[in-house]
Amino acid sequence: MCTRLAMVHTSGALRRGKLMTVDPKLGPAAGGPGATVSAQPDMTPPRHPLTKLALFLDLDGTLAPIANTPNQACVPSTTLVLLRHLHNACNGAVAIISGRDAPDIDRMLSPLTLPCAALHGAHVRNTQGQVKRVAIDHDALTGIASALARDAASMPGTLLERKALSVAFHYRNAPHLAAQVQASVLRALAHHGHSFDLQKGKMVVEIKPRGVSKGTAVSAFMSTPPFSGRMALMAGDDLTDESAFAAVNAMDGITIKIGGGPTQARSRLPNPEALRAWLASLPSA
C-alpha cells in the first residue's frame, strides 16, 4: 500500500523552487558534483499565467520519487493537491505523459483522473475520457514476454513487468546485469519484434509499439482543446522524455529536466520536490 507523506525541503534552492538553465549537453545534475550551469542559474516562472499554459508531466521521477520497484512508487499528497489546483487553473489542460499503464496512472493519482498518454503514447485518453490505442501484434508481444521471462529467471534482482501494450525489463536492484538485460531484449526483438522498438530508460529496457513516443503524444494533445493555442510545458526525468522535450522545444515551449543526465530540455530542476515548489509558484491569472 502506498502511504503518502508530505515531502520536506532542506536546501534554500529547493524551498524557492528555482529552475536552473542548462546546456543540453550537460551530464551531471545541476548543482551536483561536477555540474556546470549557466552564469545565471535561476529562471523565474514564465510570464504566462496558468490559463495560458498546457502542462505535460511525467510521473515516476518527476511527480513521484523513484522507488525500488514500480509498485512502491507513490505521489505525495501535497503533489495531488497541487495537481488538482493546476488542472482547475489551466482549464483542464494538464496531462500525464508516462510509460505506465493507464490504470496504474489512475491508481497513483487517485482520486484524480487526468488526461494521459500511457505506455509512452500507445494509449491516449483525452479530457472527455475517450481512449485511443495503437493496434499491436499481441501474439508477438506474448512471445517477447515469454522469452524475457525465461531470461529473467536466471537474473536475480531483475523484474519483468508485462503491460497491456509493452514489456519492461527492470534492473534497478541488479545494476551489474545491465548488459545482460539489454542483450536479452535485443534477442527477443530479433525473434518476435518486427513491429516493436527498444526503449531505454533509467535502470530499465522496454519494448514498445513501433512509431509511438511521448513526443508524438504531446503533439497530438497540442492539436486539440483545451491544450491547443497554449504554451506547452513538459517536465520529465528520463531518456523516454527526450522525444517530448524535442517536440515542445520545436513549439518554443518550456522543457524541464528533473535530475541529471544529458538532455534536450532547456531547464533543469534537481528532484520532484523542487518541481512541485516551482509549479506551485506559477501565477494563476
C-alpha atoms as a PDB file:
ATOM      1  CA  MET A   1       0.000   0.000   0.000  1.00  0.00           C
ATOM      2  CA  CYS A   2       1.183   3.477  -0.800  1.00  0.00           C
ATOM      3  CA  THR A   3       1.474   5.769   2.222  1.00  0.00           C
ATOM      4  CA  ARG A   4       1.608   9.403   1.125  1.00  0.00           C
ATOM      5  CA  LEU A   5       3.869  11.717   3.095  1.00  0.00           C
ATOM      6  CA  ALA A   6       4.480  15.409   2.568  1.00  0.00           C
ATOM      7  CA  MET A   7       7.977  15.983   1.225  1.00  0.00           C
ATOM      8  CA  VAL A   8      10.151  18.407   3.188  1.00  0.00           C
ATOM      9  CA  HIS A   9      12.784  20.593   1.520  1.00  0.00           C
ATOM     10  CA  THR A  10      16.097  21.137   3.246  1.00  0.00           C
ATOM     11  CA  SER A  11      18.013  23.471   0.935  1.00  0.00           C
ATOM     12  CA  GLY A  12      17.247  27.103   0.255  1.00  0.00           C
ATOM     13  CA  ALA A  13      17.321  26.462  -3.503  1.00  0.00           C
ATOM     14  CA  LEU A  14      14.644  23.800  -3.197  1.00  0.00           C
ATOM     15  CA  ARG A  15      12.471  25.914  -0.936  1.00  0.00           C
ATOM     16  CA  ARG A  16      12.467  28.604  -3.582  1.00  0.00           C
ATOM     17  CA  GLY A  17      11.756  26.054  -6.306  1.00  0.00           C
ATOM     18  CA  LYS A  18      14.232  27.719  -8.655  1.00  0.00           C
ATOM     19  CA  LEU A  19      14.853  26.479 -12.177  1.00  0.00           C
ATOM     20  CA  MET A  20      18.403  26.133 -13.435  1.00  0.00           C
ATOM     21  CA  THR A  21      19.069  26.827 -17.108  1.00  0.00           C
ATOM     22  CA  VAL A  22      21.361  24.212 -18.614  1.00  0.00           C
ATOM     23  CA  ASP A  23      23.447  23.405 -21.604  1.00  0.00           C
ATOM     24  CA  PRO A  24      21.643  20.475 -23.331  1.00  0.00           C
ATOM     25  CA  LYS A  25      24.922  18.529 -23.359  1.00  0.00           C
ATOM     26  CA  LEU A  26      25.301  18.561 -19.576  1.00  0.00           C
ATOM     27  CA  GLY A  27      25.510  15.242 -17.814  1.00  0.00           C
ATOM     28  CA  PRO A  28      25.563  15.746 -14.018  1.00  0.00           C
ATOM     29  CA  ALA A  29      22.566  17.217 -12.239  1.00  0.00           C
ATOM     30  CA  ALA A  30      22.709  20.962 -11.986  1.00  0.00           C
ATOM     31  CA  GLY A  31      24.159  21.925  -8.641  1.00  0.00           C
ATOM     32  CA  GLY A  32      25.625  18.477  -8.012  1.00  0.00           C
ATOM     33  CA  PRO A  33      29.247  17.314  -8.106  1.00  0.00           C
ATOM     34  CA  GLY A  34      30.834  18.123 -11.438  1.00  0.00           C
ATOM     35  CA  ALA A  35      27.811  20.123 -12.595  1.00  0.00           C
ATOM     36  CA  THR A  36      28.136  23.055 -14.942  1.00  0.00           C
ATOM     37  CA  VAL A  37      25.310  25.559 -15.133  1.00  0.00           C
ATOM     38  CA  SER A  38      24.871  28.858 -16.879  1.00  0.00           C
ATOM     39  CA  ALA A  39      26.123  32.107 -15.344  1.00  0.00           C
ATOM     40  CA  GLN A  40      22.514  32.843 -14.378  1.00  0.00           C
ATOM     41  CA  PRO A  41      21.271  29.605 -12.785  1.00  0.00           C
ATOM     42  CA  ASP A  42      17.844  30.893 -11.708  1.00  0.00           C
ATOM     43  CA  MET A  43      14.924  31.368 -14.066  1.00  0.00           C
ATOM     44  CA  THR A  44      11.715  32.976 -12.835  1.00  0.00           C
ATOM     45  CA  PRO A  45       8.384  31.302 -13.688  1.00  0.00           C
ATOM     46  CA  PRO A  46       7.103  32.165 -17.163  1.00  0.00           C
ATOM     47  CA  ARG A  47       5.067  35.314 -17.543  1.00  0.00           C
ATOM     48  CA  HIS A  48       2.188  33.302 -18.975  1.00  0.00           C
ATOM     49  CA  PRO A  49      -0.496  32.563 -16.379  1.00  0.00           C
ATOM     50  CA  LEU A  50      -1.677  29.000 -15.919  1.00  0.00           C
ATOM     51  CA  THR A  51      -4.718  29.824 -18.052  1.00  0.00           C
ATOM     52  CA  LYS A  52      -2.271  30.164 -20.974  1.00  0.00           C
ATOM     53  CA  LEU A  53      -0.216  27.016 -20.308  1.00  0.00           C
ATOM     54  CA  ALA A  54      -0.616  23.372 -21.326  1.00  0.00           C
ATOM     55  CA  LEU A  55       1.149  21.171 -18.758  1.00  0.00           C
ATOM     56  CA  PHE A  56       2.611  17.782 -19.673  1.00  0.00           C
ATOM     57  CA  LEU A  57       4.096  15.921 -16.712  1.00  0.00           C
ATOM     58  CA  ASP A  58       5.926  12.625 -16.459  1.00  0.00           C
ATOM     59  CA  LEU A  59       5.072  10.513 -13.399  1.00  0.00           C
ATOM     60  CA  ASP A  60       7.951   8.429 -11.974  1.00  0.00           C
ATOM     61  CA  GLY A  61      10.951  10.546 -11.082  1.00  0.00           C
ATOM     62  CA  THR A  62       9.014  13.726 -11.871  1.00  0.00           C
ATOM     63  CA  LEU A  63       5.836  13.801  -9.784  1.00  0.00           C
ATOM     64  CA  ALA A  64       6.729  10.718  -7.731  1.00  0.00           C
ATOM     65  CA  PRO A  65      10.197   9.936  -6.330  1.00  0.00           C
ATOM     66  CA  ILE A  66      11.856   6.909  -7.911  1.00  0.00           C
ATOM     67  CA  ALA A  67      11.242   3.685  -5.956  1.00  0.00           C
ATOM     68  CA  ASN A  68      12.996   0.305  -5.973  1.00  0.00           C
ATOM     69  CA  THR A  69      10.054  -1.309  -7.778  1.00  0.00           C
ATOM     70  CA  PRO A  70       7.178   0.217  -9.795  1.00  0.00           C
ATOM     71  CA  ASN A  71       4.579  -0.844  -7.220  1.00  0.00           C
ATOM     72  CA  GLN A  72       6.376   1.031  -4.445  1.00  0.00           C
ATOM     73  CA  ALA A  73       6.261   4.413  -6.184  1.00  0.00           C
ATOM     74  CA  CYS A  74       3.970   6.994  -4.592  1.00  0.00           C
ATOM     75  CA  VAL A  75       2.813  10.517  -5.442  1.00  0.00           C
ATOM     76  CA  PRO A  76       2.931  12.695  -2.281  1.00  0.00           C
ATOM     77  CA  SER A  77      -0.418  14.050  -1.081  1.00  0.00           C
ATOM     78  CA  THR A  78       0.886  17.610  -1.429  1.00  0.00           C
ATOM     79  CA  THR A  79       1.523  16.954  -5.116  1.00  0.00           C
ATOM     80  CA  LEU A  80      -2.008  15.584  -5.597  1.00  0.00           C
ATOM     81  CA  VAL A  81      -3.441  18.763  -4.082  1.00  0.00           C
ATOM     82  CA  LEU A  82      -1.268  20.812  -6.413  1.00  0.00           C
ATOM     83  CA  LEU A  83      -2.331  18.779  -9.466  1.00  0.00           C
ATOM     84  CA  ARG A  84      -5.980  19.462  -8.707  1.00  0.00           C
ATOM     85  CA  HIS A  85      -5.203  23.187  -8.473  1.00  0.00           C
ATOM     86  CA  LEU A  86      -3.221  23.119 -11.729  1.00  0.00           C
ATOM     87  CA  HIS A  87      -5.983  21.224 -13.532  1.00  0.00           C
ATOM     88  CA  ASN A  88      -8.558  23.796 -12.471  1.00  0.00           C
ATOM     89  CA  ALA A  89      -6.332  26.809 -13.149  1.00  0.00           C
ATOM     90  CA  CYS A  90      -5.352  25.502 -16.604  1.00  0.00           C
ATOM     91  CA  ASN A  91      -8.994  24.829 -17.501  1.00  0.00           C
ATOM     92  CA  GLY A  92      -8.213  21.120 -17.859  1.00  0.00           C
ATOM     93  CA  ALA A  93      -5.021  21.473 -19.929  1.00  0.00           C
ATOM     94  CA  VAL A  94      -2.930  19.113 -17.765  1.00  0.00           C
ATOM     95  CA  ALA A  95      -1.909  15.651 -18.986  1.00  0.00           C
ATOM     96  CA  ILE A  96       0.251  12.882 -17.557  1.00  0.00           C
ATOM     97  CA  ILE A  97       2.837  11.537 -20.028  1.00  0.00           C
ATOM     98  CA  SER A  98       4.090   8.192 -18.704  1.00  0.00           C
ATOM     99  CA  GLY A  99       5.347   4.750 -19.563  1.00  0.00           C
ATOM    100  CA  ARG A 100       2.895   3.228 -17.085  1.00  0.00           C
ATOM    101  CA  ASP A 101      -0.444   1.609 -17.931  1.00  0.00           C
ATOM    102  CA  ALA A 102      -3.429   3.942 -17.636  1.00  0.00           C
ATOM    103  CA  PRO A 103      -4.971   2.034 -14.675  1.00  0.00           C
ATOM    104  CA  ASP A 104      -1.632   2.312 -12.880  1.00  0.00           C
ATOM    105  CA  ILE A 105      -1.534   6.068 -13.516  1.00  0.00           C
ATOM    106  CA  ASP A 106      -5.070   6.409 -12.134  1.00  0.00           C
ATOM    107  CA  ARG A 107      -4.156   4.350  -9.062  1.00  0.00           C
ATOM    108  CA  MET A 108      -1.195   6.599  -8.278  1.00  0.00           C
ATOM    109  CA  LEU A 109      -3.200   9.804  -8.774  1.00  0.00           C
ATOM    110  CA  SER A 110      -6.421   8.677  -7.069  1.00  0.00           C
ATOM    111  CA  PRO A 111      -8.864  10.324  -6.561  1.00  0.00           C
ATOM    112  CA  LEU A 112      -7.825  12.424  -9.586  1.00  0.00           C
ATOM    113  CA  THR A 113      -8.422  11.197 -13.130  1.00  0.00           C
ATOM    114  CA  LEU A 114      -6.476  13.235 -15.660  1.00  0.00           C
ATOM    115  CA  PRO A 115      -5.933  13.073 -19.415  1.00  0.00           C
ATOM    116  CA  CYS A 116      -2.935  10.864 -20.073  1.00  0.00           C
ATOM    117  CA  ALA A 117      -0.608   9.348 -22.607  1.00  0.00           C
ATOM    118  CA  ALA A 118       0.141   5.953 -21.106  1.00  0.00           C
ATOM    119  CA  LEU A 119       2.646   3.362 -22.338  1.00  0.00           C
ATOM    120  CA  HIS A 120       4.804   6.047 -23.985  1.00  0.00           C
ATOM    121  CA  GLY A 121       1.891   7.266 -26.089  1.00  0.00           C
ATOM    122  CA  ALA A 122       0.472   3.894 -27.162  1.00  0.00           C
ATOM    123  CA  HIS A 123      -2.662   4.543 -25.061  1.00  0.00           C
ATOM    124  CA  VAL A 124      -4.033   8.108 -25.027  1.00  0.00           C
ATOM    125  CA  ARG A 125      -7.042   9.305 -23.006  1.00  0.00           C
ATOM    126  CA  ASN A 126      -8.387  12.776 -23.746  1.00  0.00           C
ATOM    127  CA  THR A 127     -10.187  15.236 -21.492  1.00  0.00           C
ATOM    128  CA  GLN A 128     -13.553  13.601 -22.247  1.00  0.00           C
ATOM    129  CA  GLY A 129     -12.252  10.181 -21.209  1.00  0.00           C
ATOM    130  CA  GLN A 130     -12.160   8.880 -24.782  1.00  0.00           C
ATOM    131  CA  VAL A 131      -9.330   6.398 -25.372  1.00  0.00           C
ATOM    132  CA  LYS A 132      -7.233   5.757 -28.465  1.00  0.00           C
ATOM    133  CA  ARG A 133      -4.907   2.755 -28.509  1.00  0.00           C
ATOM    134  CA  VAL A 134      -2.449   1.659 -31.156  1.00  0.00           C
ATOM    135  CA  ALA A 135      -3.031  -1.778 -32.676  1.00  0.00           C
ATOM    136  CA  ILE A 136      -0.308  -4.310 -31.901  1.00  0.00           C
ATOM    137  CA  ASP A 137       0.544  -7.958 -32.579  1.00  0.00           C
ATOM    138  CA  HIS A 138      -0.426  -9.441 -29.208  1.00  0.00           C
ATOM    139  CA  ASP A 139       0.948 -12.883 -30.127  1.00  0.00           C
ATOM    140  CA  ALA A 140       4.331 -11.299 -30.829  1.00  0.00           C
ATOM    141  CA  LEU A 141       4.230  -9.408 -27.535  1.00  0.00           C
ATOM    142  CA  THR A 142       3.415 -12.638 -25.706  1.00  0.00           C
ATOM    143  CA  GLY A 143       6.363 -14.316 -27.403  1.00  0.00           C
ATOM    144  CA  ILE A 144       8.636 -11.468 -26.341  1.00  0.00           C
ATOM    145  CA  ALA A 145       7.374 -11.589 -22.750  1.00  0.00           C
ATOM    146  CA  SER A 146       7.853 -15.361 -22.560  1.00  0.00           C
ATOM    147  CA  ALA A 147      11.421 -15.157 -23.845  1.00  0.00           C
ATOM    148  CA  LEU A 148      12.278 -12.380 -21.416  1.00  0.00           C
ATOM    149  CA  ALA A 149      10.663 -14.254 -18.521  1.00  0.00           C
ATOM    150  CA  ARG A 150      12.923 -17.227 -19.158  1.00  0.00           C
ATOM    151  CA  ASP A 151      15.980 -14.983 -19.081  1.00  0.00           C
ATOM    152  CA  ALA A 152      14.778 -13.053 -16.024  1.00  0.00           C
ATOM    153  CA  ALA A 153      14.514 -16.302 -14.060  1.00  0.00           C
ATOM    154  CA  SER A 154      18.304 -16.614 -14.248  1.00  0.00           C
ATOM    155  CA  MET A 155      18.975 -12.954 -13.380  1.00  0.00           C
ATOM    156  CA  PRO A 156      18.305 -12.434  -9.646  1.00  0.00           C
ATOM    157  CA  GLY A 157      17.235  -8.901  -8.784  1.00  0.00           C
ATOM    158  CA  THR A 158      15.678  -8.137 -12.153  1.00  0.00           C
ATOM    159  CA  LEU A 159      11.956  -7.585 -12.633  1.00  0.00           C
ATOM    160  CA  LEU A 160       9.883  -8.238 -15.741  1.00  0.00           C
ATOM    161  CA  GLU A 161       6.798  -6.033 -15.995  1.00  0.00           C
ATOM    162  CA  ARG A 162       4.164  -7.065 -18.541  1.00  0.00           C
ATOM    163  CA  LYS A 163       1.916  -4.183 -19.581  1.00  0.00           C
ATOM    164  CA  ALA A 164      -1.100  -4.032 -21.878  1.00  0.00           C
ATOM    165  CA  LEU A 165       0.891  -2.985 -24.956  1.00  0.00           C
ATOM    166  CA  SER A 166       4.531  -3.282 -23.881  1.00  0.00           C
ATOM    167  CA  VAL A 167       7.035  -5.141 -21.703  1.00  0.00           C
ATOM    168  CA  ALA A 168       9.574  -3.573 -19.335  1.00  0.00           C
ATOM    169  CA  PHE A 169      12.686  -5.378 -18.062  1.00  0.00           C
ATOM    170  CA  HIS A 170      13.876  -3.617 -14.868  1.00  0.00           C
ATOM    171  CA  TYR A 171      17.341  -3.998 -13.344  1.00  0.00           C
ATOM    172  CA  ARG A 172      17.367  -1.222 -10.712  1.00  0.00           C
ATOM    173  CA  ASN A 173      18.111  -3.795  -7.999  1.00  0.00           C
ATOM    174  CA  ALA A 174      20.738  -5.552 -10.152  1.00  0.00           C
ATOM    175  CA  PRO A 175      22.616  -2.781 -11.998  1.00  0.00           C
ATOM    176  CA  HIS A 176      25.525  -5.120 -12.764  1.00  0.00           C
ATOM    177  CA  LEU A 177      23.188  -7.025 -15.105  1.00  0.00           C
ATOM    178  CA  ALA A 178      22.502  -4.051 -17.391  1.00  0.00           C
ATOM    179  CA  ALA A 179      24.364  -5.524 -20.365  1.00  0.00           C
ATOM    180  CA  GLN A 180      22.709  -8.924 -19.979  1.00  0.00           C
ATOM    181  CA  VAL A 181      19.234  -7.352 -19.759  1.00  0.00           C
ATOM    182  CA  GLN A 182      19.789  -5.332 -22.909  1.00  0.00           C
ATOM    183  CA  ALA A 183      21.155  -8.385 -24.748  1.00  0.00           C
ATOM    184  CA  SER A 184      18.093 -10.374 -23.684  1.00  0.00           C
ATOM    185  CA  VAL A 185      15.756  -7.691 -25.025  1.00  0.00           C
ATOM    186  CA  LEU A 186      17.638  -7.467 -28.320  1.00  0.00           C
ATOM    187  CA  ARG A 187      17.385 -11.249 -28.786  1.00  0.00           C
ATOM    188  CA  ALA A 188      13.656 -11.187 -28.095  1.00  0.00           C
ATOM    189  CA  LEU A 189      13.166  -8.341 -30.561  1.00  0.00           C
ATOM    190  CA  ALA A 190      15.144 -10.187 -33.230  1.00  0.00           C
ATOM    191  CA  HIS A 191      12.869 -13.222 -32.939  1.00  0.00           C
ATOM    192  CA  HIS A 192       9.450 -11.618 -32.325  1.00  0.00           C
ATOM    193  CA  GLY A 193       9.673  -7.855 -32.503  1.00  0.00           C
ATOM    194  CA  HIS A 194       9.158  -6.810 -36.112  1.00  0.00           C
ATOM    195  CA  SER A 195       6.505  -4.283 -35.011  1.00  0.00           C
ATOM    196  CA  PHE A 196       8.152  -3.164 -31.757  1.00  0.00           C
ATOM    197  CA  ASP A 197      11.008  -0.869 -30.762  1.00  0.00           C
ATOM    198  CA  LEU A 198      13.520  -0.903 -27.907  1.00  0.00           C
ATOM    199  CA  GLN A 199      13.221   1.995 -25.467  1.00  0.00           C
ATOM    200  CA  LYS A 200      15.981   2.549 -22.925  1.00  0.00           C
ATOM    201  CA  GLY A 201      15.203   4.205 -19.595  1.00  0.00           C
ATOM    202  CA  LYS A 202      16.659   4.597 -16.121  1.00  0.00           C
ATOM    203  CA  MET A 203      17.556   1.074 -14.988  1.00  0.00           C
ATOM    204  CA  VAL A 204      15.036  -0.408 -17.443  1.00  0.00           C
ATOM    205  CA  VAL A 205      14.851  -1.553 -21.035  1.00  0.00           C
ATOM    206  CA  GLU A 206      11.397  -1.584 -22.551  1.00  0.00           C
ATOM    207  CA  ILE A 207       9.799  -2.971 -25.681  1.00  0.00           C
ATOM    208  CA  LYS A 208       7.052  -0.687 -27.002  1.00  0.00           C
ATOM    209  CA  PRO A 209       4.934  -0.477 -30.164  1.00  0.00           C
ATOM    210  CA  ARG A 210       6.782   0.966 -33.137  1.00  0.00           C
ATOM    211  CA  GLY A 211       6.027   4.563 -34.110  1.00  0.00           C
ATOM    212  CA  VAL A 212       4.798   5.865 -30.753  1.00  0.00           C
ATOM    213  CA  SER A 213       6.614   8.122 -28.312  1.00  0.00           C
ATOM    214  CA  LYS A 214       5.939  10.715 -25.672  1.00  0.00           C
ATOM    215  CA  GLY A 215       6.743  13.313 -28.300  1.00  0.00           C
ATOM    216  CA  THR A 216       4.022  12.149 -30.678  1.00  0.00           C
ATOM    217  CA  ALA A 217       1.582  12.063 -27.768  1.00  0.00           C
ATOM    218  CA  VAL A 218       2.337  15.645 -26.690  1.00  0.00           C
ATOM    219  CA  SER A 219       1.988  16.852 -30.285  1.00  0.00           C
ATOM    220  CA  ALA A 220      -1.389  15.128 -30.563  1.00  0.00           C
ATOM    221  CA  PHE A 221      -2.636  16.725 -27.352  1.00  0.00           C
ATOM    222  CA  MET A 222      -1.495  20.153 -28.542  1.00  0.00           C
ATOM    223  CA  SER A 223      -3.682  19.857 -31.618  1.00  0.00           C
ATOM    224  CA  THR A 224      -6.900  19.547 -29.603  1.00  0.00           C
ATOM    225  CA  PRO A 225      -8.718  21.663 -26.968  1.00  0.00           C
ATOM    226  CA  PRO A 226      -8.116  22.617 -24.217  1.00  0.00           C
ATOM    227  CA  PHE A 227      -4.381  22.252 -25.000  1.00  0.00           C
ATOM    228  CA  SER A 228      -4.307  23.896 -28.419  1.00  0.00           C
ATOM    229  CA  GLY A 229      -3.336  27.560 -28.544  1.00  0.00           C
ATOM    230  CA  ARG A 230      -1.412  27.409 -25.265  1.00  0.00           C
ATOM    231  CA  MET A 231       2.285  27.358 -24.439  1.00  0.00           C
ATOM    232  CA  ALA A 232       3.383  23.768 -23.847  1.00  0.00           C
ATOM    233  CA  LEU A 233       5.387  22.873 -20.726  1.00  0.00           C
ATOM    234  CA  MET A 234       6.958  19.424 -20.411  1.00  0.00           C
ATOM    235  CA  ALA A 235       8.706  18.104 -17.289  1.00  0.00           C
ATOM    236  CA  GLY A 236      10.396  14.709 -17.158  1.00  0.00           C
ATOM    237  CA  ASP A 237      13.412  12.874 -15.800  1.00  0.00           C
ATOM    238  CA  ASP A 238      14.207  10.011 -18.160  1.00  0.00           C
ATOM    239  CA  LEU A 239      15.505   9.147 -21.610  1.00  0.00           C
ATOM    240  CA  THR A 240      11.911   8.356 -22.531  1.00  0.00           C
ATOM    241  CA  ASP A 241      11.036  12.047 -22.070  1.00  0.00           C
ATOM    242  CA  GLU A 242      13.558  13.322 -24.607  1.00  0.00           C
ATOM    243  CA  SER A 243      11.191  12.970 -27.572  1.00  0.00           C
ATOM    244  CA  ALA A 244       8.660  15.102 -25.691  1.00  0.00           C
ATOM    245  CA  PHE A 245      11.333  17.694 -24.915  1.00  0.00           C
ATOM    246  CA  ALA A 246      12.180  17.845 -28.617  1.00  0.00           C
ATOM    247  CA  ALA A 247       8.526  18.280 -29.573  1.00  0.00           C
ATOM    248  CA  VAL A 248       7.933  21.054 -27.035  1.00  0.00           C
ATOM    249  CA  ASN A 249      11.187  22.812 -27.932  1.00  0.00           C
ATOM    250  CA  ALA A 250      10.005  22.863 -31.554  1.00  0.00           C
ATOM    251  CA  MET A 251       6.883  24.665 -30.325  1.00  0.00           C
ATOM    252  CA  ASP A 252       9.075  27.160 -28.432  1.00  0.00           C
ATOM    253  CA  GLY A 253       7.638  25.866 -25.172  1.00  0.00           C
ATOM    254  CA  ILE A 254       9.148  25.207 -21.737  1.00  0.00           C
ATOM    255  CA  THR A 255      11.126  21.999 -21.115  1.00  0.00           C
ATOM    256  CA  ILE A 256      12.363  20.955 -17.664  1.00  0.00           C
ATOM    257  CA  LYS A 257      14.702  18.045 -16.979  1.00  0.00           C
ATOM    258  CA  ILE A 258      14.375  16.583 -13.483  1.00  0.00           C
ATOM    259  CA  GLY A 259      17.729  15.367 -12.172  1.00  0.00           C
ATOM    260  CA  GLY A 260      20.962  14.639 -14.017  1.00  0.00           C
ATOM    261  CA  GLY A 261      21.939  13.306 -17.396  1.00  0.00           C
ATOM    262  CA  PRO A 262      22.290  14.684 -20.930  1.00  0.00           C
ATOM    263  CA  THR A 263      19.082  16.286 -22.171  1.00  0.00           C
ATOM    264  CA  GLN A 264      17.419  18.388 -24.841  1.00  0.00           C
ATOM    265  CA  ALA A 265      15.459  20.198 -22.124  1.00  0.00           C
ATOM    266  CA  ARG A 266      16.277  23.883 -21.768  1.00  0.00           C
ATOM    267  CA  SER A 267      15.990  23.989 -17.956  1.00  0.00           C
ATOM    268  CA  ARG A 268      16.690  21.663 -15.057  1.00  0.00           C
ATOM    269  CA  LEU A 269      15.423  21.033 -11.541  1.00  0.00           C
ATOM    270  CA  PRO A 270      17.140  18.620  -9.136  1.00  0.00           C
ATOM    271  CA  ASN A 271      14.196  16.493  -7.962  1.00  0.00           C
ATOM    272  CA  PRO A 272      10.374  16.106  -7.806  1.00  0.00           C
ATOM    273  CA  GLU A 273      10.102  18.248  -4.665  1.00  0.00           C
ATOM    274  CA  ALA A 274      11.749  21.172  -6.440  1.00  0.00           C
ATOM    275  CA  LEU A 275       9.409  20.761  -9.411  1.00  0.00           C
ATOM    276  CA  ARG A 276       6.403  20.793  -7.087  1.00  0.00           C
ATOM    277  CA  ALA A 277       7.604  24.013  -5.452  1.00  0.00           C
ATOM    278  CA  TRP A 278       8.241  25.632  -8.830  1.00  0.00           C
ATOM    279  CA  LEU A 279       4.854  24.641 -10.256  1.00  0.00           C
ATOM    280  CA  ALA A 280       3.168  25.964  -7.106  1.00  0.00           C
ATOM    281  CA  SER A 281       4.821  29.329  -7.735  1.00  0.00           C
ATOM    282  CA  LEU A 282       3.233  29.806 -11.176  1.00  0.00           C
ATOM    283  CA  PRO A 283       0.637  32.608 -11.302  1.00  0.00           C
ATOM    284  CA  SER A 284      -2.987  31.511 -11.651  1.00  0.00           C
ATOM    285  CA  ALA A 285      -4.039  34.538 -13.695  1.00  0.00           C
END
